[in-house]
Amino acid sequence: MGKRNPNGYGCVTCLKGNRSRPWIVKITVYDVDGSSRQVPVGYAATEAEANILLAQYNNNPWDIRRETITLVTLYNRWSEVKAPKLSAVSQRSLKSAFKHCSKYYGVKYRSLRAYQMQDTIDNCGCGYSTQGAIKTLWWHLDRFAFEMNIIDKMYSQLTTAEPIPDTKRQPFTPQEIESLWQRSDDLWVQTVLIYLYTGFRLTELLTMTLDNVDVKEWTLKGGVKTRNGKDRIVPIHPRIRPFIQTRYEYNIKYLFEDLDGEMSTRDYYEKWKDVMNLIHSSHTPHECRHTFETMLDNAGGNRKCIDLLMGHKSTDTGNRVYNHKTLQQLRETIILLK
């Protein structure tokens, strides 16, 4: 009995029939759900040559037969090499997008064309957000494949996704905000008020842990989307401090949390709909952030402070480079929210 290869190393098998290269070299790949399958990476005339080919592949798998690399193999390698450089939110979004590409997991990447990529976008059964994520994923994979000399043309550039709807964001009215305060004993109403009085994005609030809450200085630390928005400090408005304190005392992990712990955007949207029904309104979550900025601007808040609180890059060069605002000045700006 021959020596058995280690797990994950691959195998060499002789095919039946009269073939010039009957020995096939196979390696095991895994999709995002952990399911495994064997895919060929090359053929050889003799068993010895096949074993050499397998050894070379395991030494550097990206130097052997790039034309045989499948979509799932490329994605797994991209996940190891490139994905960690993206934000945690982007990684989760692209991982979810890849599930909509399962139809083509085993297809050789070199043979994929724009119409197949477009198929995953058009038939994902989701809205513009997911469609855009799938298109973005193909762009990332194409760049990686081009860099690895697997493809010569980036077909992802020919794909399209449903555009983001041109909607006019409407800030909450004073009456709507007062209606929320009248129902502030409700934990999910409290989340909307926290949203309105901090200016964070929804994804930033959903991933924010209580480790980012400083109950001595009464600040929140968070932000994930841009360089200017990452790890920004936002003073906690006095009116929402009791909500933050309650969550802190619950000894839970996340600022916004249900019985299962961290909430997905989809789960929060269900809670959001319930709150909007309570106050007979139809706002989108992002309009909290729009309301935050609008109220501060209407109250005469310092533009640089507002940009810092929002995580925006100041458009004025002087403000961007020379104007350093203190935590106290940020507190004075937050307190303008009446």
C-alpha atoms as a PDB file:
ATOM      1  CA  MET A   1       0.000   0.000   0.000  1.00  0.00           C
ATOM      2  CA  GLY A   2       1.398   3.371  -1.017  1.00  0.00           C
ATOM      3  CA  LYS A   3       1.957   6.226   1.375  1.00  0.00           C
ATOM      4  CA  ARG A   4      -1.188   8.252   1.970  1.00  0.00           C
ATOM      5  CA  ASN A   5      -1.043  12.001   1.327  1.00  0.00           C
ATOM      6  CA  PRO A   6      -1.841  14.366   4.214  1.00  0.00           C
ATOM      7  CA  ASN A   7      -5.376  15.779   4.472  1.00  0.00           C
ATOM      8  CA  GLY A   8      -5.872  18.684   2.082  1.00  0.00           C
ATOM      9  CA  TYR A   9      -2.767  17.805   0.064  1.00  0.00           C
ATOM     10  CA  GLY A  10      -4.592  16.397  -2.965  1.00  0.00           C
ATOM     11  CA  CYS A  11      -4.375  13.097  -4.833  1.00  0.00           C
ATOM     12  CA  VAL A  12      -3.220  11.461  -8.055  1.00  0.00           C
ATOM     13  CA  THR A  13      -5.566   9.115  -9.965  1.00  0.00           C
ATOM     14  CA  CYS A  14      -5.251   7.149 -13.198  1.00  0.00           C
ATOM     15  CA  LEU A  15      -8.101   7.611 -15.660  1.00  0.00           C
ATOM     16  CA  LYS A  16      -9.498   4.738 -17.722  1.00  0.00           C
ATOM     17  CA  GLY A  17      -9.070   4.475 -21.481  1.00  0.00           C
ATOM     18  CA  ASN A  18      -6.277   5.070 -23.926  1.00  0.00           C
ATOM     19  CA  ARG A  19      -4.975   8.545 -23.058  1.00  0.00           C
ATOM     20  CA  SER A  20      -1.695  10.294 -23.666  1.00  0.00           C
ATOM     21  CA  ARG A  21      -1.863  11.832 -20.159  1.00  0.00           C
ATOM     22  CA  PRO A  22      -3.987   9.440 -18.087  1.00  0.00           C
ATOM     23  CA  TRP A  23      -2.839  10.625 -14.656  1.00  0.00           C
ATOM     24  CA  ILE A  24      -5.023  13.379 -13.170  1.00  0.00           C
ATOM     25  CA  VAL A  25      -3.973  15.604 -10.275  1.00  0.00           C
ATOM     26  CA  LYS A  26      -6.823  16.717  -8.000  1.00  0.00           C
ATOM     27  CA  ILE A  27      -6.982  19.045  -5.024  1.00  0.00           C
ATOM     28  CA  THR A  28      -9.794  19.668  -2.530  1.00  0.00           C
ATOM     29  CA  VAL A  29     -11.534  23.056  -2.429  1.00  0.00           C
ATOM     30  CA  TYR A  30     -14.189  24.353  -0.045  1.00  0.00           C
ATOM     31  CA  ASP A  31     -17.065  26.721  -0.718  1.00  0.00           C
ATOM     32  CA  VAL A  32     -18.259  29.390   1.731  1.00  0.00           C
ATOM     33  CA  ASP A  33     -20.543  26.897   3.483  1.00  0.00           C
ATOM     34  CA  GLY A  34     -17.689  24.471   4.160  1.00  0.00           C
ATOM     35  CA  SER A  35     -18.735  21.888   1.569  1.00  0.00           C
ATOM     36  CA  SER A  36     -15.774  20.222  -0.149  1.00  0.00           C
ATOM     37  CA  ARG A  37     -15.215  18.993  -3.672  1.00  0.00           C
ATOM     38  CA  GLN A  38     -12.247  17.777  -5.686  1.00  0.00           C
ATOM     39  CA  VAL A  39     -11.190  19.714  -8.781  1.00  0.00           C
ATOM     40  CA  PRO A  40      -8.444  18.886 -11.287  1.00  0.00           C
ATOM     41  CA  VAL A  41      -5.363  21.057 -11.516  1.00  0.00           C
ATOM     42  CA  GLY A  42      -3.456  19.153 -14.183  1.00  0.00           C
ATOM     43  CA  TYR A  43      -2.741  15.931 -16.125  1.00  0.00           C
ATOM     44  CA  ALA A  44       0.455  13.907 -16.624  1.00  0.00           C
ATOM     45  CA  ALA A  45       1.762  11.015 -18.734  1.00  0.00           C
ATOM     46  CA  THR A  46       3.124   9.042 -15.782  1.00  0.00           C
ATOM     47  CA  GLU A  47       2.352   8.687 -12.099  1.00  0.00           C
ATOM     48  CA  ALA A  48       5.751  10.095 -11.193  1.00  0.00           C
ATOM     49  CA  GLU A  49       5.137  13.228 -13.268  1.00  0.00           C
ATOM     50  CA  ALA A  50       1.703  13.616 -11.668  1.00  0.00           C
ATOM     51  CA  ASN A  51       3.175  13.432  -8.163  1.00  0.00           C
ATOM     52  CA  ILE A  52       5.753  16.058  -9.100  1.00  0.00           C
ATOM     53  CA  LEU A  53       2.953  18.269 -10.420  1.00  0.00           C
ATOM     54  CA  LEU A  54       0.987  17.831  -7.177  1.00  0.00           C
ATOM     55  CA  ALA A  55       4.062  18.663  -5.106  1.00  0.00           C
ATOM     56  CA  GLN A  56       4.669  21.789  -7.189  1.00  0.00           C
ATOM     57  CA  TYR A  57       1.064  22.829  -6.749  1.00  0.00           C
ATOM     58  CA  ASN A  58       1.253  22.531  -2.972  1.00  0.00           C
ATOM     59  CA  ASN A  59       4.506  24.475  -2.970  1.00  0.00           C
ATOM     60  CA  ASN A  60       2.882  27.366  -4.828  1.00  0.00           C
ATOM     61  CA  PRO A  61      -0.650  26.655  -6.072  1.00  0.00           C
ATOM     62  CA  TRP A  62      -0.793  29.884  -8.066  1.00  0.00           C
ATOM     63  CA  ASP A  63       2.067  28.889 -10.348  1.00  0.00           C
ATOM     64  CA  ILE A  64       0.345  25.819 -11.802  1.00  0.00           C
ATOM     65  CA  ARG A  65      -2.295  25.747 -14.531  1.00  0.00           C
ATOM     66  CA  ARG A  66      -4.002  29.030 -13.742  1.00  0.00           C
ATOM     67  CA  GLU A  67      -6.559  28.280 -16.436  1.00  0.00           C
ATOM     68  CA  THR A  68      -7.992  25.529 -14.200  1.00  0.00           C
ATOM     69  CA  ILE A  69      -8.685  27.781 -11.187  1.00  0.00           C
ATOM     70  CA  THR A  70     -12.407  27.735 -10.363  1.00  0.00           C
ATOM     71  CA  LEU A  71     -14.509  30.599  -9.043  1.00  0.00           C
ATOM     72  CA  VAL A  72     -14.712  29.154  -5.539  1.00  0.00           C
ATOM     73  CA  THR A  73     -10.951  28.497  -5.439  1.00  0.00           C
ATOM     74  CA  LEU A  74     -10.233  32.066  -6.493  1.00  0.00           C
ATOM     75  CA  TYR A  75     -12.728  33.444  -3.964  1.00  0.00           C
ATOM     76  CA  ASN A  76     -11.200  31.434  -1.108  1.00  0.00           C
ATOM     77  CA  ARG A  77      -7.728  32.693  -1.985  1.00  0.00           C
ATOM     78  CA  TRP A  78      -9.001  36.271  -2.357  1.00  0.00           C
ATOM     79  CA  SER A  79     -10.663  35.959   1.062  1.00  0.00           C
ATOM     80  CA  GLU A  80      -7.280  35.102   2.573  1.00  0.00           C
ATOM     81  CA  VAL A  81      -5.165  37.670   0.740  1.00  0.00           C
ATOM     82  CA  LYS A  82      -7.303  40.681  -0.142  1.00  0.00           C
ATOM     83  CA  ALA A  83     -10.491  40.672   1.928  1.00  0.00           C
ATOM     84  CA  PRO A  84      -8.760  41.350   5.290  1.00  0.00           C
ATOM     85  CA  LYS A  85      -7.698  44.746   3.934  1.00  0.00           C
ATOM     86  CA  LEU A  86     -11.366  45.776   3.637  1.00  0.00           C
ATOM     87  CA  SER A  87     -13.604  46.958   6.464  1.00  0.00           C
ATOM     88  CA  ALA A  88     -15.503  44.365   8.486  1.00  0.00           C
ATOM     89  CA  VAL A  89     -18.788  45.657   7.030  1.00  0.00           C
ATOM     90  CA  SER A  90     -17.500  45.279   3.462  1.00  0.00           C
ATOM     91  CA  GLN A  91     -16.232  41.774   4.182  1.00  0.00           C
ATOM     92  CA  ARG A  92     -19.621  40.674   5.475  1.00  0.00           C
ATOM     93  CA  SER A  93     -21.407  42.270   2.530  1.00  0.00           C
ATOM     94  CA  LEU A  94     -19.172  40.594  -0.056  1.00  0.00           C
ATOM     95  CA  LYS A  95     -19.333  37.231   1.715  1.00  0.00           C
ATOM     96  CA  SER A  96     -23.128  37.381   1.532  1.00  0.00           C
ATOM     97  CA  ALA A  97     -22.922  38.446  -2.118  1.00  0.00           C
ATOM     98  CA  PHE A  98     -20.833  35.372  -2.967  1.00  0.00           C
ATOM     99  CA  LYS A  99     -23.683  33.084  -1.920  1.00  0.00           C
ATOM    100  CA  HIS A 100     -25.647  34.440  -4.881  1.00  0.00           C
ATOM    101  CA  CYS A 101     -22.879  33.191  -7.213  1.00  0.00           C
ATOM    102  CA  SER A 102     -23.204  29.517  -6.204  1.00  0.00           C
ATOM    103  CA  LYS A 103     -24.400  28.550  -9.691  1.00  0.00           C
ATOM    104  CA  TYR A 104     -20.867  29.152 -10.956  1.00  0.00           C
ATOM    105  CA  TYR A 105     -18.752  27.949  -8.009  1.00  0.00           C
ATOM    106  CA  GLY A 106     -17.191  25.091  -9.995  1.00  0.00           C
ATOM    107  CA  VAL A 107     -16.702  26.998 -13.257  1.00  0.00           C
ATOM    108  CA  LYS A 108     -13.144  27.786 -14.336  1.00  0.00           C
ATOM    109  CA  TYR A 109     -12.655  31.485 -13.709  1.00  0.00           C
ATOM    110  CA  ARG A 110     -10.989  32.053 -17.078  1.00  0.00           C
ATOM    111  CA  SER A 111     -14.146  30.874 -18.832  1.00  0.00           C
ATOM    112  CA  LEU A 112     -16.551  33.146 -16.967  1.00  0.00           C
ATOM    113  CA  ARG A 113     -18.041  35.913 -19.080  1.00  0.00           C
ATOM    114  CA  ALA A 114     -19.920  39.131 -18.383  1.00  0.00           C
ATOM    115  CA  TYR A 115     -23.334  37.594 -19.113  1.00  0.00           C
ATOM    116  CA  GLN A 116     -22.776  34.962 -16.397  1.00  0.00           C
ATOM    117  CA  MET A 117     -21.703  37.597 -13.892  1.00  0.00           C
ATOM    118  CA  GLN A 118     -24.739  39.657 -14.894  1.00  0.00           C
ATOM    119  CA  ASP A 119     -26.920  36.589 -14.364  1.00  0.00           C
ATOM    120  CA  THR A 120     -25.942  36.463 -10.682  1.00  0.00           C
ATOM    121  CA  ILE A 121     -26.853  40.144 -10.330  1.00  0.00           C
ATOM    122  CA  ASP A 122     -30.152  40.079 -12.224  1.00  0.00           C
ATOM    123  CA  ASN A 123     -31.449  36.864 -10.664  1.00  0.00           C
ATOM    124  CA  CYS A 124     -30.359  37.292  -7.042  1.00  0.00           C
ATOM    125  CA  GLY A 125     -33.933  38.132  -6.069  1.00  0.00           C
ATOM    126  CA  CYS A 126     -32.805  41.125  -4.013  1.00  0.00           C
ATOM    127  CA  GLY A 127     -32.810  44.896  -4.280  1.00  0.00           C
ATOM    128  CA  TYR A 128     -30.265  47.435  -5.408  1.00  0.00           C
ATOM    129  CA  SER A 129     -28.079  47.084  -2.307  1.00  0.00           C
ATOM    130  CA  THR A 130     -27.397  43.361  -2.787  1.00  0.00           C
ATOM    131  CA  GLN A 131     -27.115  43.755  -6.553  1.00  0.00           C
ATOM    132  CA  GLY A 132     -24.487  46.421  -6.037  1.00  0.00           C
ATOM    133  CA  ALA A 133     -22.602  44.174  -3.609  1.00  0.00           C
ATOM    134  CA  ILE A 134     -22.523  41.310  -6.139  1.00  0.00           C
ATOM    135  CA  LYS A 135     -21.242  43.639  -8.840  1.00  0.00           C
ATOM    136  CA  THR A 136     -18.572  44.936  -6.441  1.00  0.00           C
ATOM    137  CA  LEU A 137     -17.530  41.380  -5.569  1.00  0.00           C
ATOM    138  CA  TRP A 138     -17.023  40.492  -9.246  1.00  0.00           C
ATOM    139  CA  TRP A 139     -14.892  43.626  -9.604  1.00  0.00           C
ATOM    140  CA  HIS A 140     -12.707  42.569  -6.661  1.00  0.00           C
ATOM    141  CA  LEU A 141     -12.332  39.012  -7.984  1.00  0.00           C
ATOM    142  CA  ASP A 142     -11.533  40.239 -11.483  1.00  0.00           C
ATOM    143  CA  ARG A 143      -8.807  42.549 -10.184  1.00  0.00           C
ATOM    144  CA  PHE A 144      -7.315  39.714  -8.169  1.00  0.00           C
ATOM    145  CA  ALA A 145      -7.515  37.275 -11.099  1.00  0.00           C
ATOM    146  CA  PHE A 146      -5.924  39.838 -13.414  1.00  0.00           C
ATOM    147  CA  GLU A 147      -3.145  40.447 -10.894  1.00  0.00           C
ATOM    148  CA  MET A 148      -2.518  36.684 -10.696  1.00  0.00           C
ATOM    149  CA  ASN A 149      -2.421  36.452 -14.505  1.00  0.00           C
ATOM    150  CA  ILE A 150      -5.458  34.159 -14.496  1.00  0.00           C
ATOM    151  CA  ILE A 151      -7.460  36.368 -16.894  1.00  0.00           C
ATOM    152  CA  ASP A 152      -6.606  38.828 -19.643  1.00  0.00           C
ATOM    153  CA  LYS A 153      -9.863  40.771 -19.653  1.00  0.00           C
ATOM    154  CA  MET A 154     -11.973  42.040 -16.739  1.00  0.00           C
ATOM    155  CA  TYR A 155     -15.541  41.235 -17.757  1.00  0.00           C
ATOM    156  CA  SER A 156     -16.924  42.647 -14.514  1.00  0.00           C
ATOM    157  CA  GLN A 157     -16.490  46.092 -16.066  1.00  0.00           C
ATOM    158  CA  LEU A 158     -19.357  45.240 -18.439  1.00  0.00           C
ATOM    159  CA  THR A 159     -21.853  44.382 -15.690  1.00  0.00           C
ATOM    160  CA  THR A 160     -24.565  46.685 -14.391  1.00  0.00           C
ATOM    161  CA  ALA A 161     -26.619  46.817 -11.205  1.00  0.00           C
ATOM    162  CA  GLU A 162     -29.855  48.532 -10.320  1.00  0.00           C
ATOM    163  CA  PRO A 163     -29.021  52.137  -9.400  1.00  0.00           C
ATOM    164  CA  ILE A 164     -29.688  53.492  -5.953  1.00  0.00           C
ATOM    165  CA  PRO A 165     -33.140  55.119  -6.032  1.00  0.00           C
ATOM    166  CA  ASP A 166     -33.110  58.882  -6.263  1.00  0.00           C
ATOM    167  CA  THR A 167     -34.924  59.619  -3.042  1.00  0.00           C
ATOM    168  CA  LYS A 168     -35.260  62.868  -1.166  1.00  0.00           C
ATOM    169  CA  ARG A 169     -34.371  62.341   2.455  1.00  0.00           C
ATOM    170  CA  GLN A 170     -36.739  63.993   4.871  1.00  0.00           C
ATOM    171  CA  PRO A 171     -35.582  64.838   8.392  1.00  0.00           C
ATOM    172  CA  PHE A 172     -37.822  63.920  11.312  1.00  0.00           C
ATOM    173  CA  THR A 173     -40.137  66.746  12.307  1.00  0.00           C
ATOM    174  CA  PRO A 174     -40.086  68.125  15.880  1.00  0.00           C
ATOM    175  CA  GLN A 175     -43.527  66.555  16.351  1.00  0.00           C
ATOM    176  CA  GLU A 176     -42.244  63.124  15.306  1.00  0.00           C
ATOM    177  CA  ILE A 177     -39.265  63.374  17.634  1.00  0.00           C
ATOM    178  CA  GLU A 178     -41.559  64.419  20.484  1.00  0.00           C
ATOM    179  CA  SER A 179     -43.776  61.432  19.685  1.00  0.00           C
ATOM    180  CA  LEU A 180     -40.736  59.182  20.062  1.00  0.00           C
ATOM    181  CA  TRP A 181     -39.899  60.728  23.446  1.00  0.00           C
ATOM    182  CA  GLN A 182     -43.449  60.088  24.620  1.00  0.00           C
ATOM    183  CA  ARG A 183     -42.835  56.376  23.943  1.00  0.00           C
ATOM    184  CA  SER A 184     -39.243  56.265  25.159  1.00  0.00           C
ATOM    185  CA  ASP A 185     -39.928  53.456  27.636  1.00  0.00           C
ATOM    186  CA  ASP A 186     -39.869  51.128  24.624  1.00  0.00           C
ATOM    187  CA  LEU A 187     -36.351  49.703  24.087  1.00  0.00           C
ATOM    188  CA  TRP A 188     -36.625  49.889  20.292  1.00  0.00           C
ATOM    189  CA  VAL A 189     -37.898  53.474  20.388  1.00  0.00           C
ATOM    190  CA  GLN A 190     -34.795  54.182  22.441  1.00  0.00           C
ATOM    191  CA  THR A 191     -32.596  52.831  19.643  1.00  0.00           C
ATOM    192  CA  VAL A 192     -34.157  55.332  17.219  1.00  0.00           C
ATOM    193  CA  LEU A 193     -33.515  58.180  19.660  1.00  0.00           C
ATOM    194  CA  ILE A 194     -29.907  57.032  20.136  1.00  0.00           C
ATOM    195  CA  TYR A 195     -29.623  57.003  16.348  1.00  0.00           C
ATOM    196  CA  LEU A 196     -31.079  60.544  16.120  1.00  0.00           C
ATOM    197  CA  TYR A 197     -28.813  61.991  18.823  1.00  0.00           C
ATOM    198  CA  THR A 198     -25.460  60.471  17.784  1.00  0.00           C
ATOM    199  CA  GLY A 199     -25.313  60.713  13.990  1.00  0.00           C
ATOM    200  CA  PHE A 200     -23.747  57.285  13.554  1.00  0.00           C
ATOM    201  CA  ARG A 201     -24.578  55.133  10.538  1.00  0.00           C
ATOM    202  CA  LEU A 202     -26.810  52.128  11.148  1.00  0.00           C
ATOM    203  CA  THR A 203     -24.022  49.629  10.437  1.00  0.00           C
ATOM    204  CA  GLU A 204     -21.812  51.506  12.890  1.00  0.00           C
ATOM    205  CA  LEU A 205     -24.438  51.276  15.630  1.00  0.00           C
ATOM    206  CA  LEU A 206     -25.253  47.622  14.962  1.00  0.00           C
ATOM    207  CA  THR A 207     -21.594  46.617  15.280  1.00  0.00           C
ATOM    208  CA  MET A 208     -20.814  48.910  18.215  1.00  0.00           C
ATOM    209  CA  THR A 209     -20.004  47.039  21.429  1.00  0.00           C
ATOM    210  CA  LEU A 210     -20.305  48.375  24.940  1.00  0.00           C
ATOM    211  CA  ASP A 211     -16.509  48.387  25.064  1.00  0.00           C
ATOM    212  CA  ASN A 212     -16.867  51.525  22.946  1.00  0.00           C
ATOM    213  CA  VAL A 213     -18.955  53.254  25.623  1.00  0.00           C
ATOM    214  CA  ASP A 214     -17.181  55.483  28.128  1.00  0.00           C
ATOM    215  CA  VAL A 215     -19.678  56.176  30.934  1.00  0.00           C
ATOM    216  CA  LYS A 216     -17.179  58.362  32.770  1.00  0.00           C
ATOM    217  CA  GLU A 217     -16.582  60.746  29.890  1.00  0.00           C
ATOM    218  CA  TRP A 218     -20.009  59.940  28.370  1.00  0.00           C
ATOM    219  CA  THR A 219     -18.737  59.307  24.879  1.00  0.00           C
ATOM    220  CA  LEU A 220     -19.180  56.703  22.169  1.00  0.00           C
ATOM    221  CA  LYS A 221     -16.327  55.563  19.983  1.00  0.00           C
ATOM    222  CA  GLY A 222     -17.102  54.052  16.596  1.00  0.00           C
ATOM    223  CA  GLY A 223     -17.236  54.407  12.852  1.00  0.00           C
ATOM    224  CA  VAL A 224     -16.181  52.024  10.113  1.00  0.00           C
ATOM    225  CA  LYS A 225     -16.862  53.439   6.666  1.00  0.00           C
ATOM    226  CA  THR A 226     -14.170  56.001   5.844  1.00  0.00           C
ATOM    227  CA  ARG A 227     -10.762  57.096   7.105  1.00  0.00           C
ATOM    228  CA  ASN A 228     -12.334  60.257   8.527  1.00  0.00           C
ATOM    229  CA  GLY A 229     -15.174  58.312  10.099  1.00  0.00           C
ATOM    230  CA  LYS A 230     -13.261  55.460  11.736  1.00  0.00           C
ATOM    231  CA  ASP A 231     -12.983  55.427  15.522  1.00  0.00           C
ATOM    232  CA  ARG A 232     -14.462  58.895  15.914  1.00  0.00           C
ATOM    233  CA  ILE A 233     -15.519  60.160  19.325  1.00  0.00           C
ATOM    234  CA  VAL A 234     -19.122  61.348  19.760  1.00  0.00           C
ATOM    235  CA  PRO A 235     -20.247  62.837  23.101  1.00  0.00           C
ATOM    236  CA  ILE A 236     -23.453  61.285  24.438  1.00  0.00           C
ATOM    237  CA  HIS A 237     -26.275  63.816  24.637  1.00  0.00           C
ATOM    238  CA  PRO A 238     -27.664  64.109  28.211  1.00  0.00           C
ATOM    239  CA  ARG A 239     -31.170  63.098  27.107  1.00  0.00           C
ATOM    240  CA  ILE A 240     -30.074  59.670  25.837  1.00  0.00           C
ATOM    241  CA  ARG A 241     -27.615  58.908  28.652  1.00  0.00           C
ATOM    242  CA  PRO A 242     -30.205  56.863  30.614  1.00  0.00           C
ATOM    243  CA  PHE A 243     -30.685  54.581  27.561  1.00  0.00           C
ATOM    244  CA  ILE A 244     -26.944  54.031  27.267  1.00  0.00           C
ATOM    245  CA  GLN A 245     -26.600  53.505  31.021  1.00  0.00           C
ATOM    246  CA  THR A 246     -29.366  50.885  31.001  1.00  0.00           C
ATOM    247  CA  ARG A 247     -27.661  48.917  28.252  1.00  0.00           C
ATOM    248  CA  TYR A 248     -24.339  49.204  30.025  1.00  0.00           C
ATOM    249  CA  GLU A 249     -25.862  47.790  33.209  1.00  0.00           C
ATOM    250  CA  TYR A 250     -27.436  44.886  31.294  1.00  0.00           C
ATOM    251  CA  ASN A 251     -23.867  43.654  30.704  1.00  0.00           C
ATOM    252  CA  ILE A 252     -24.646  42.824  27.083  1.00  0.00           C
ATOM    253  CA  LYS A 253     -22.059  42.891  24.307  1.00  0.00           C
ATOM    254  CA  TYR A 254     -23.637  45.157  21.692  1.00  0.00           C
ATOM    255  CA  LEU A 255     -25.271  48.562  22.021  1.00  0.00           C
ATOM    256  CA  PHE A 256     -28.157  47.370  19.822  1.00  0.00           C
ATOM    257  CA  GLU A 257     -28.872  43.761  20.663  1.00  0.00           C
ATOM    258  CA  ASP A 258     -31.745  41.285  20.574  1.00  0.00           C
ATOM    259  CA  LEU A 259     -32.063  37.884  22.253  1.00  0.00           C
ATOM    260  CA  ASP A 260     -29.584  36.354  19.794  1.00  0.00           C
ATOM    261  CA  GLY A 261     -26.911  39.011  20.312  1.00  0.00           C
ATOM    262  CA  GLU A 262     -25.620  41.010  17.339  1.00  0.00           C
ATOM    263  CA  MET A 263     -28.395  42.146  15.023  1.00  0.00           C
ATOM    264  CA  SER A 264     -28.344  42.039  11.247  1.00  0.00           C
ATOM    265  CA  THR A 265     -29.544  45.021   9.240  1.00  0.00           C
ATOM    266  CA  ARG A 266     -32.550  42.992   8.130  1.00  0.00           C
ATOM    267  CA  ASP A 267     -33.522  42.183  11.746  1.00  0.00           C
ATOM    268  CA  TYR A 268     -33.252  45.815  12.773  1.00  0.00           C
ATOM    269  CA  TYR A 269     -35.405  46.938   9.858  1.00  0.00           C
ATOM    270  CA  GLU A 270     -38.232  44.809  11.277  1.00  0.00           C
ATOM    271  CA  LYS A 271     -37.953  46.587  14.625  1.00  0.00           C
ATOM    272  CA  TRP A 272     -37.697  49.904  12.812  1.00  0.00           C
ATOM    273  CA  LYS A 273     -41.004  49.289  11.015  1.00  0.00           C
ATOM    274  CA  ASP A 274     -42.711  48.626  14.345  1.00  0.00           C
ATOM    275  CA  VAL A 275     -41.456  51.934  15.749  1.00  0.00           C
ATOM    276  CA  MET A 276     -42.502  53.870  12.637  1.00  0.00           C
ATOM    277  CA  ASN A 277     -45.980  52.360  12.937  1.00  0.00           C
ATOM    278  CA  LEU A 278     -46.125  53.553  16.549  1.00  0.00           C
ATOM    279  CA  ILE A 279     -45.590  57.185  15.521  1.00  0.00           C
ATOM    280  CA  HIS A 280     -47.466  56.837  12.207  1.00  0.00           C
ATOM    281  CA  SER A 281     -44.431  57.737  10.132  1.00  0.00           C
ATOM    282  CA  SER A 282     -42.478  56.239   7.226  1.00  0.00           C
ATOM    283  CA  HIS A 283     -38.884  57.380   7.598  1.00  0.00           C
ATOM    284  CA  THR A 284     -35.875  55.292   6.600  1.00  0.00           C
ATOM    285  CA  PRO A 285     -33.161  54.607   9.193  1.00  0.00           C
ATOM    286  CA  HIS A 286     -30.628  56.763   7.342  1.00  0.00           C
ATOM    287  CA  GLU A 287     -32.900  59.757   7.795  1.00  0.00           C
ATOM    288  CA  CYS A 288     -31.901  59.752  11.477  1.00  0.00           C
ATOM    289  CA  ARG A 289     -28.393  60.661  10.397  1.00  0.00           C
ATOM    290  CA  HIS A 290     -29.796  63.259   8.006  1.00  0.00           C
ATOM    291  CA  THR A 291     -31.901  64.684  10.837  1.00  0.00           C
ATOM    292  CA  PHE A 292     -28.879  64.852  13.146  1.00  0.00           C
ATOM    293  CA  GLU A 293     -26.877  66.917  10.661  1.00  0.00           C
ATOM    294  CA  THR A 294     -29.832  69.134   9.710  1.00  0.00           C
ATOM    295  CA  MET A 295     -30.707  69.983  13.313  1.00  0.00           C
ATOM    296  CA  LEU A 296     -27.115  70.864  14.177  1.00  0.00           C
ATOM    297  CA  ASP A 297     -26.762  72.995  11.076  1.00  0.00           C
ATOM    298  CA  ASN A 298     -30.070  74.795  11.767  1.00  0.00           C
ATOM    299  CA  ALA A 299     -28.902  75.451  15.337  1.00  0.00           C
ATOM    300  CA  GLY A 300     -25.738  77.160  14.051  1.00  0.00           C
ATOM    301  CA  GLY A 301     -23.337  74.390  14.979  1.00  0.00           C
ATOM    302  CA  ASN A 302     -19.689  74.775  14.017  1.00  0.00           C
ATOM    303  CA  ARG A 303     -19.234  73.167  10.603  1.00  0.00           C
ATOM    304  CA  LYS A 304     -15.943  71.497  11.495  1.00  0.00           C
ATOM    305  CA  CYS A 305     -17.473  69.984  14.640  1.00  0.00           C
ATOM    306  CA  ILE A 306     -20.443  68.702  12.659  1.00  0.00           C
ATOM    307  CA  ASP A 307     -18.089  67.100  10.116  1.00  0.00           C
ATOM    308  CA  LEU A 308     -16.114  65.452  12.919  1.00  0.00           C
ATOM    309  CA  LEU A 309     -19.275  64.088  14.542  1.00  0.00           C
ATOM    310  CA  MET A 310     -20.588  62.800  11.217  1.00  0.00           C
ATOM    311  CA  GLY A 311     -17.259  61.339  10.141  1.00  0.00           C
ATOM    312  CA  HIS A 312     -17.154  63.560   7.076  1.00  0.00           C
ATOM    313  CA  LYS A 313     -14.071  65.038   5.463  1.00  0.00           C
ATOM    314  CA  SER A 314     -14.225  68.806   5.723  1.00  0.00           C
ATOM    315  CA  THR A 315     -14.515  70.448   2.302  1.00  0.00           C
ATOM    316  CA  ASP A 316     -12.651  73.531   3.475  1.00  0.00           C
ATOM    317  CA  THR A 317      -8.863  73.095   3.364  1.00  0.00           C
ATOM    318  CA  GLY A 318      -8.257  75.461   6.266  1.00  0.00           C
ATOM    319  CA  ASN A 319     -10.729  73.630   8.462  1.00  0.00           C
ATOM    320  CA  ARG A 320      -9.436  70.229   7.351  1.00  0.00           C
ATOM    321  CA  VAL A 321      -5.774  70.936   8.074  1.00  0.00           C
ATOM    322  CA  TYR A 322      -5.565  73.580  10.776  1.00  0.00           C
ATOM    323  CA  ASN A 323      -8.780  73.508  12.788  1.00  0.00           C
ATOM    324  CA  HIS A 324      -8.366  71.094  15.718  1.00  0.00           C
ATOM    325  CA  LYS A 325     -11.496  70.785  17.837  1.00  0.00           C
ATOM    326  CA  THR A 326     -11.502  69.618  21.434  1.00  0.00           C
ATOM    327  CA  LEU A 327     -13.898  67.149  23.050  1.00  0.00           C
ATOM    328  CA  GLN A 328     -15.478  70.052  24.947  1.00  0.00           C
ATOM    329  CA  GLN A 329     -16.259  71.821  21.675  1.00  0.00           C
ATOM    330  CA  LEU A 330     -17.878  68.637  20.370  1.00  0.00           C
ATOM    331  CA  ARG A 331     -19.975  68.485  23.558  1.00  0.00           C
ATOM    332  CA  GLU A 332     -21.065  72.084  23.023  1.00  0.00           C
ATOM    333  CA  THR A 333     -22.136  71.188  19.516  1.00  0.00           C
ATOM    334  CA  ILE A 334     -24.056  68.053  20.554  1.00  0.00           C
ATOM    335  CA  ILE A 335     -25.936  69.987  23.238  1.00  0.00           C
ATOM    336  CA  LEU A 336     -27.438  72.152  20.485  1.00  0.00           C
ATOM    337  CA  LEU A 337     -29.814  69.263  19.815  1.00  0.00           C
ATOM    338  CA  LYS A 338     -32.825  70.374  21.828  1.00  0.00           C
END
